[in-house]
Amino acid sequence: MKKSINSILRGKFLISEDSFKNWKLLLFLSFLAIIMIASSHSADRKVYEIAKLNEEVKELRSAFVDGRSMLMKLKMESSVVKKLANKGLSPSEIPPKKIKVKPQN
């Protein structure tokens, strides 16, 4: 057992006569390791991008809610009356009348 560990540590399996099959296996395993590392980096990059996009969605949703609430305040009758009072306009005291048009036959 000590002899086999010693031969592995010295690399005798790479320089022996039938070492070609060992080299093929090592190259294949190295290629698989490189693919695995690249895949891991790609997955990490996508996770960071998803987190960034989620933050952007939260910011845009917050801006939308703020804009919608500001619009609701601006559309209120009391705020419209205040803004138009500066220009000399006021709400009518007389309610509007409906005009009905009868079709001609």
N, C-alpha and C. Protein backbone atom coordinates (compact mmCIF):
# COMPACT_ATOMS: atom_id res chain seq x y z
N MET A 1 0.83 -1.18 0.00
CA MET A 1 0.00 0.00 0.00
C MET A 1 0.88 1.25 0.00
N LYS A 2 1.93 1.23 0.81
CA LYS A 2 2.83 2.38 0.87
C LYS A 2 3.51 2.59 -0.47
N LYS A 3 3.79 1.48 -1.16
CA LYS A 3 4.46 1.56 -2.45
C LYS A 3 3.55 2.21 -3.50
N SER A 4 2.24 1.88 -3.48
CA SER A 4 1.31 2.44 -4.48
C SER A 4 1.09 3.94 -4.24
N ILE A 5 0.97 4.37 -2.99
CA ILE A 5 0.81 5.78 -2.69
C ILE A 5 2.06 6.55 -3.11
N ASN A 6 3.20 5.97 -2.84
CA ASN A 6 4.46 6.61 -3.20
C ASN A 6 4.59 6.74 -4.72
N SER A 7 4.16 5.71 -5.46
CA SER A 7 4.25 5.77 -6.92
C SER A 7 3.27 6.81 -7.50
N ILE A 8 2.12 6.97 -6.86
CA ILE A 8 1.14 7.98 -7.31
C ILE A 8 1.70 9.37 -7.05
N LEU A 9 2.27 9.58 -5.88
CA LEU A 9 2.82 10.89 -5.55
C LEU A 9 4.00 11.26 -6.44
N ARG A 10 4.77 10.31 -6.85
CA ARG A 10 5.91 10.58 -7.72
C ARG A 10 5.50 10.72 -9.19
N GLY A 11 4.28 10.31 -9.52
CA GLY A 11 3.78 10.46 -10.89
C GLY A 11 4.23 9.36 -11.82
N LYS A 12 4.53 8.19 -11.30
CA LYS A 12 4.99 7.10 -12.16
C LYS A 12 3.89 6.62 -13.10
N PHE A 13 2.63 6.80 -12.72
CA PHE A 13 1.54 6.36 -13.58
C PHE A 13 1.43 7.24 -14.84
N LEU A 14 2.09 8.40 -14.84
CA LEU A 14 2.06 9.28 -16.01
C LEU A 14 3.22 9.05 -16.98
N ILE A 15 4.24 8.37 -16.52
CA ILE A 15 5.41 8.16 -17.39
C ILE A 15 5.65 6.69 -17.71
N SER A 16 4.77 5.83 -17.28
CA SER A 16 4.95 4.40 -17.59
C SER A 16 4.57 4.15 -19.05
N GLU A 17 4.75 2.92 -19.52
CA GLU A 17 4.53 2.59 -20.93
C GLU A 17 3.06 2.70 -21.32
N ASP A 18 2.14 2.34 -20.44
CA ASP A 18 0.71 2.41 -20.76
C ASP A 18 0.07 3.70 -20.17
N SER A 19 0.84 4.75 -20.15
CA SER A 19 0.35 5.99 -19.55
C SER A 19 -0.59 6.78 -20.46
N PHE A 20 -0.68 6.41 -21.75
CA PHE A 20 -1.54 7.15 -22.67
C PHE A 20 -2.99 7.15 -22.22
N LYS A 21 -3.49 6.01 -21.74
CA LYS A 21 -4.88 5.96 -21.27
C LYS A 21 -5.06 6.79 -20.00
N ASN A 22 -4.03 6.87 -19.18
CA ASN A 22 -4.11 7.72 -17.99
C ASN A 22 -4.15 9.20 -18.38
N TRP A 23 -3.38 9.58 -19.39
CA TRP A 23 -3.37 10.98 -19.85
C TRP A 23 -4.72 11.36 -20.45
N LYS A 24 -5.32 10.42 -21.22
CA LYS A 24 -6.64 10.70 -21.79
C LYS A 24 -7.66 10.95 -20.68
N LEU A 25 -7.62 10.13 -19.64
CA LEU A 25 -8.56 10.30 -18.53
C LEU A 25 -8.32 11.62 -17.80
N LEU A 26 -7.07 11.98 -17.58
CA LEU A 26 -6.76 13.25 -16.92
C LEU A 26 -7.21 14.45 -17.75
N LEU A 27 -7.00 14.40 -19.06
CA LEU A 27 -7.44 15.49 -19.93
C LEU A 27 -8.97 15.60 -19.94
N PHE A 28 -9.65 14.46 -19.97
CA PHE A 28 -11.11 14.46 -19.94
C PHE A 28 -11.63 15.04 -18.63
N LEU A 29 -11.05 14.63 -17.52
CA LEU A 29 -11.48 15.16 -16.22
C LEU A 29 -11.18 16.65 -16.10
N SER A 30 -10.05 17.08 -16.66
CA SER A 30 -9.72 18.52 -16.64
C SER A 30 -10.73 19.31 -17.47
N PHE A 31 -11.10 18.78 -18.62
CA PHE A 31 -12.10 19.43 -19.47
C PHE A 31 -13.44 19.54 -18.75
N LEU A 32 -13.85 18.47 -18.07
CA LEU A 32 -15.10 18.51 -17.32
C LEU A 32 -15.04 19.52 -16.17
N ALA A 33 -13.90 19.63 -15.53
CA ALA A 33 -13.75 20.60 -14.43
C ALA A 33 -13.86 22.03 -14.96
N ILE A 34 -13.27 22.29 -16.12
CA ILE A 34 -13.34 23.63 -16.71
C ILE A 34 -14.78 23.97 -17.08
N ILE A 35 -15.50 23.02 -17.65
CA ILE A 35 -16.91 23.25 -17.99
C ILE A 35 -17.73 23.51 -16.74
N MET A 36 -17.48 22.75 -15.68
CA MET A 36 -18.22 22.92 -14.43
C MET A 36 -17.95 24.30 -13.83
N ILE A 37 -16.73 24.76 -13.85
CA ILE A 37 -16.38 26.07 -13.30
C ILE A 37 -17.05 27.18 -14.13
N ALA A 38 -17.02 27.05 -15.45
CA ALA A 38 -17.66 28.06 -16.31
C ALA A 38 -19.16 28.11 -16.08
N SER A 39 -19.77 26.95 -15.91
CA SER A 39 -21.21 26.89 -15.65
C SER A 39 -21.55 27.54 -14.31
N SER A 40 -20.73 27.30 -13.33
CA SER A 40 -20.95 27.90 -12.01
C SER A 40 -20.85 29.42 -12.07
N HIS A 41 -19.85 29.93 -12.79
CA HIS A 41 -19.70 31.38 -12.94
C HIS A 41 -20.90 31.99 -13.68
N SER A 42 -21.37 31.30 -14.69
CA SER A 42 -22.52 31.78 -15.44
C SER A 42 -23.77 31.83 -14.56
N ALA A 43 -23.97 30.81 -13.74
CA ALA A 43 -25.13 30.79 -12.83
C ALA A 43 -25.03 31.91 -11.81
N ASP A 44 -23.84 32.14 -11.27
CA ASP A 44 -23.66 33.24 -10.31
C ASP A 44 -23.95 34.59 -10.94
N ARG A 45 -23.50 34.78 -12.16
CA ARG A 45 -23.74 36.04 -12.88
C ARG A 45 -25.24 36.26 -13.05
N LYS A 46 -25.97 35.20 -13.39
CA LYS A 46 -27.42 35.33 -13.57
C LYS A 46 -28.12 35.62 -12.25
N VAL A 47 -27.66 35.04 -11.17
CA VAL A 47 -28.27 35.30 -9.86
C VAL A 47 -28.09 36.77 -9.48
N TYR A 48 -26.90 37.32 -9.72
CA TYR A 48 -26.67 38.74 -9.41
C TYR A 48 -27.53 39.63 -10.30
N GLU A 49 -27.68 39.26 -11.55
CA GLU A 49 -28.49 40.07 -12.46
C GLU A 49 -29.97 40.03 -12.04
N ILE A 50 -30.45 38.87 -11.62
CA ILE A 50 -31.84 38.76 -11.16
C ILE A 50 -32.06 39.60 -9.92
N ALA A 51 -31.12 39.59 -8.99
CA ALA A 51 -31.24 40.40 -7.78
C ALA A 51 -31.27 41.89 -8.13
N LYS A 52 -30.40 42.29 -9.07
CA LYS A 52 -30.37 43.70 -9.50
C LYS A 52 -31.68 44.10 -10.14
N LEU A 53 -32.24 43.24 -10.99
CA LEU A 53 -33.51 43.54 -11.65
C LEU A 53 -34.66 43.58 -10.65
N ASN A 54 -34.63 42.74 -9.63
CA ASN A 54 -35.67 42.78 -8.60
C ASN A 54 -35.64 44.10 -7.84
N GLU A 55 -34.44 44.60 -7.55
CA GLU A 55 -34.32 45.89 -6.88
C GLU A 55 -34.87 47.01 -7.77
N GLU A 56 -34.56 46.92 -9.06
CA GLU A 56 -35.06 47.93 -10.00
C GLU A 56 -36.59 47.90 -10.08
N VAL A 57 -37.17 46.71 -10.06
CA VAL A 57 -38.62 46.57 -10.10
C VAL A 57 -39.24 47.20 -8.85
N LYS A 58 -38.63 46.98 -7.69
CA LYS A 58 -39.14 47.57 -6.46
C LYS A 58 -39.10 49.10 -6.53
N GLU A 59 -38.00 49.65 -7.06
CA GLU A 59 -37.89 51.11 -7.17
C GLU A 59 -38.94 51.66 -8.13
N LEU A 60 -39.13 50.99 -9.28
CA LEU A 60 -40.11 51.46 -10.25
C LEU A 60 -41.53 51.35 -9.71
N ARG A 61 -41.81 50.30 -8.97
CA ARG A 61 -43.15 50.14 -8.38
C ARG A 61 -43.40 51.24 -7.36
N SER A 62 -42.38 51.57 -6.58
CA SER A 62 -42.51 52.65 -5.59
C SER A 62 -42.75 53.99 -6.29
N ALA A 63 -42.02 54.24 -7.37
CA ALA A 63 -42.21 55.49 -8.12
C ALA A 63 -43.61 55.54 -8.72
N PHE A 64 -44.12 54.41 -9.20
CA PHE A 64 -45.47 54.35 -9.77
C PHE A 64 -46.51 54.67 -8.71
N VAL A 65 -46.37 54.08 -7.53
CA VAL A 65 -47.34 54.33 -6.46
C VAL A 65 -47.29 55.79 -6.03
N ASP A 66 -46.09 56.37 -5.94
CA ASP A 66 -45.98 57.79 -5.58
C ASP A 66 -46.64 58.66 -6.64
N GLY A 67 -46.41 58.38 -7.90
CA GLY A 67 -47.01 59.16 -8.98
C GLY A 67 -48.52 59.03 -8.99
N ARG A 68 -49.02 57.82 -8.74
CA ARG A 68 -50.47 57.61 -8.72
C ARG A 68 -51.12 58.36 -7.58
N SER A 69 -50.49 58.36 -6.40
CA SER A 69 -51.07 59.08 -5.27
C SER A 69 -51.02 60.59 -5.50
N MET A 70 -49.95 61.07 -6.13
CA MET A 70 -49.87 62.51 -6.45
C MET A 70 -50.95 62.89 -7.46
N LEU A 71 -51.19 62.04 -8.44
CA LEU A 71 -52.23 62.30 -9.43
C LEU A 71 -53.60 62.34 -8.77
N MET A 72 -53.85 61.41 -7.84
CA MET A 72 -55.14 61.40 -7.15
C MET A 72 -55.34 62.70 -6.37
N LYS A 73 -54.28 63.21 -5.74
CA LYS A 73 -54.40 64.48 -5.00
C LYS A 73 -54.66 65.63 -5.96
N LEU A 74 -53.99 65.63 -7.13
CA LEU A 74 -54.20 66.71 -8.09
C LEU A 74 -55.59 66.68 -8.71
N LYS A 75 -56.19 65.51 -8.83
CA LYS A 75 -57.51 65.38 -9.45
C LYS A 75 -58.65 65.71 -8.49
N MET A 76 -58.36 65.82 -7.22
CA MET A 76 -59.43 66.11 -6.25
C MET A 76 -60.03 67.49 -6.55
N GLU A 77 -61.34 67.60 -6.35
CA GLU A 77 -62.03 68.84 -6.68
C GLU A 77 -61.50 70.01 -5.86
N SER A 78 -61.18 69.77 -4.60
CA SER A 78 -60.71 70.87 -3.75
C SER A 78 -59.38 71.43 -4.25
N SER A 79 -58.47 70.56 -4.72
CA SER A 79 -57.19 71.08 -5.21
C SER A 79 -57.36 71.79 -6.55
N VAL A 80 -58.29 71.34 -7.37
CA VAL A 80 -58.56 72.01 -8.65
C VAL A 80 -59.16 73.39 -8.40
N VAL A 81 -60.08 73.48 -7.43
CA VAL A 81 -60.70 74.77 -7.10
C VAL A 81 -59.65 75.74 -6.58
N LYS A 82 -58.73 75.28 -5.75
CA LYS A 82 -57.67 76.16 -5.22
C LYS A 82 -56.78 76.68 -6.34
N LYS A 83 -56.41 75.80 -7.27
CA LYS A 83 -55.52 76.23 -8.36
C LYS A 83 -56.22 77.20 -9.30
N LEU A 84 -57.50 76.99 -9.55
CA LEU A 84 -58.22 77.86 -10.47
C LEU A 84 -58.68 79.15 -9.79
N ALA A 85 -58.71 79.20 -8.47
CA ALA A 85 -59.10 80.43 -7.75
C ALA A 85 -58.08 81.53 -8.02
N ASN A 86 -56.83 81.18 -8.20
CA ASN A 86 -55.80 82.18 -8.52
C ASN A 86 -56.06 82.85 -9.86
N LYS A 87 -56.69 82.13 -10.76
CA LYS A 87 -56.97 82.67 -12.10
C LYS A 87 -58.34 83.34 -12.18
N GLY A 88 -59.05 83.37 -11.08
CA GLY A 88 -60.35 84.04 -11.05
C GLY A 88 -61.51 83.14 -11.41
N LEU A 89 -61.32 81.87 -11.51
CA LEU A 89 -62.41 80.94 -11.82
C LEU A 89 -62.92 80.30 -10.53
N SER A 90 -64.22 80.07 -10.49
CA SER A 90 -64.82 79.41 -9.32
C SER A 90 -65.88 78.44 -9.81
N PRO A 91 -66.27 77.50 -8.96
CA PRO A 91 -67.32 76.55 -9.38
C PRO A 91 -68.65 77.26 -9.57
N SER A 92 -69.45 76.74 -10.45
CA SER A 92 -70.75 77.33 -10.76
C SER A 92 -71.71 77.10 -9.60
N GLU A 93 -72.53 78.13 -9.31
CA GLU A 93 -73.53 78.01 -8.26
C GLU A 93 -74.79 77.35 -8.80
N ILE A 94 -75.01 77.45 -10.11
CA ILE A 94 -76.19 76.88 -10.75
C ILE A 94 -75.82 75.50 -11.29
N PRO A 95 -76.58 74.47 -10.90
CA PRO A 95 -76.25 73.14 -11.40
C PRO A 95 -76.48 73.04 -12.91
N PRO A 96 -75.78 72.16 -13.58
CA PRO A 96 -75.94 72.01 -15.02
C PRO A 96 -77.30 71.41 -15.38
N LYS A 97 -77.75 71.70 -16.59
CA LYS A 97 -79.03 71.16 -17.08
C LYS A 97 -78.73 70.19 -18.22
N LYS A 98 -79.52 69.15 -18.26
CA LYS A 98 -79.39 68.17 -19.35
C LYS A 98 -80.12 68.66 -20.57
N ILE A 99 -79.51 68.46 -21.69
CA ILE A 99 -80.13 68.81 -22.96
C ILE A 99 -80.49 67.48 -23.63
N LYS A 100 -81.75 67.31 -23.90
CA LYS A 100 -82.21 66.09 -24.55
C LYS A 100 -82.57 66.40 -25.99
N VAL A 101 -82.04 65.63 -26.88
CA VAL A 101 -82.35 65.80 -28.30
C VAL A 101 -83.23 64.64 -28.73
N LYS A 102 -84.40 65.01 -29.26
CA LYS A 102 -85.35 63.98 -29.72
C LYS A 102 -85.04 63.67 -31.19
N PRO A 103 -84.94 62.39 -31.50
CA PRO A 103 -84.66 62.05 -32.91
C PRO A 103 -85.87 62.37 -33.80
N GLN A 104 -85.60 62.85 -35.00
CA GLN A 104 -86.67 63.16 -35.97
C GLN A 104 -86.98 61.93 -36.79
N ASN A 105 -88.26 61.60 -36.87
CA ASN A 105 -88.69 60.43 -37.65
C ASN A 105 -89.37 60.82 -38.90
